[in-house]
Amino acid sequence: MIDYQVFLMDDMKTNEAIAENEDGSYSIFINGSLCKKKMINSFHHAIRHIKGRDFEKEDVQAIEVCAHWKG
């Protein structure tokens, strides 16, 4: 089970951002100016990063390839 909170932010330059909190939960920040479909896709993208334990990895390119793969 993933413990997370989602925040809609108006002043973002990216679609989403994730922060791992000290208690092991996550804060997911979604660009509030996106359309509903892009917000949902951005949320799912963030969840794939969390499930993939990407905070423990160093190769950013490999992380993004895996996060965009929908297999």
Protein backbone atom coordinates (compact mmCIF):
# COMPACT_ATOMS: atom_id res chain seq x y z
CA MET A 1 0.00 0.00 0.00
CA ILE A 2 1.30 3.44 -0.91
CA ASP A 3 0.67 6.32 1.46
CA TYR A 4 0.48 9.59 -0.49
CA GLN A 5 -1.12 13.01 -0.69
CA VAL A 6 -1.84 14.87 -3.91
CA PHE A 7 -1.53 18.63 -4.25
CA LEU A 8 -2.65 20.71 -7.25
CA MET A 9 -0.17 23.51 -7.83
CA ASP A 10 -0.64 26.48 -10.14
CA ASP A 11 2.96 27.64 -10.59
CA MET A 12 4.64 24.47 -11.88
CA LYS A 13 6.86 24.21 -14.95
CA THR A 14 6.50 20.41 -15.09
CA ASN A 15 3.45 18.14 -15.18
CA GLU A 16 4.20 16.52 -11.83
CA ALA A 17 6.77 16.24 -9.07
CA ILE A 18 7.15 13.82 -6.20
CA ALA A 19 8.72 14.18 -2.78
CA GLU A 20 9.40 11.30 -0.43
CA ASN A 21 8.52 12.38 3.09
CA GLU A 22 10.43 11.50 6.26
CA ASP A 23 7.65 9.13 7.38
CA GLY A 24 7.87 7.07 4.17
CA SER A 25 4.79 8.63 2.58
CA TYR A 26 4.89 10.65 -0.63
CA SER A 27 3.70 14.06 -1.70
CA ILE A 28 2.63 14.21 -5.34
CA PHE A 29 2.42 17.68 -6.86
CA ILE A 30 0.32 17.97 -10.04
CA ASN A 31 0.30 20.99 -12.33
CA GLY A 32 -3.14 22.50 -11.75
CA SER A 33 -3.22 24.18 -15.17
CA LEU A 34 -3.32 20.83 -17.00
CA CYS A 35 -6.53 19.45 -18.47
CA LYS A 36 -8.19 16.66 -16.48
CA LYS A 37 -6.80 13.88 -18.74
CA LYS A 38 -3.23 15.17 -18.40
CA MET A 39 -3.65 15.49 -14.63
CA ILE A 40 -4.73 11.86 -14.43
CA ASN A 41 -1.86 10.74 -16.69
CA SER A 42 0.60 12.75 -14.59
CA PHE A 43 -0.74 11.13 -11.41
CA HIS A 44 -0.29 7.65 -12.88
CA HIS A 45 3.22 8.61 -14.03
CA ALA A 46 4.07 9.66 -10.47
CA ILE A 47 2.67 6.41 -9.04
CA ARG A 48 4.83 4.40 -11.48
CA HIS A 49 7.88 6.26 -10.14
CA ILE A 50 6.88 5.43 -6.57
CA LYS A 51 6.12 1.76 -7.32
CA GLY A 52 9.40 1.50 -9.26
CA ARG A 53 11.28 2.72 -6.17
CA ASP A 54 12.92 5.34 -8.37
CA PHE A 55 14.11 7.35 -5.37
CA GLU A 56 16.74 4.65 -4.87
CA LYS A 57 18.08 4.84 -8.46
CA GLU A 58 20.66 7.15 -9.98
CA ASP A 59 20.23 6.78 -13.78
CA VAL A 60 17.60 9.40 -14.65
CA GLN A 61 17.25 8.26 -18.27
CA ALA A 62 16.58 4.64 -17.23
CA ILE A 63 14.10 5.83 -14.61
CA GLU A 64 12.07 7.77 -17.19
CA VAL A 65 12.13 4.91 -19.72
CA CYS A 66 10.69 2.57 -17.08
CA ALA A 67 8.14 5.13 -15.87
CA HIS A 68 6.83 5.69 -19.40
CA TRP A 69 6.58 1.96 -20.15
CA LYS A 70 3.03 0.80 -19.53
CA GLY A 71 3.65 -2.96 -19.77
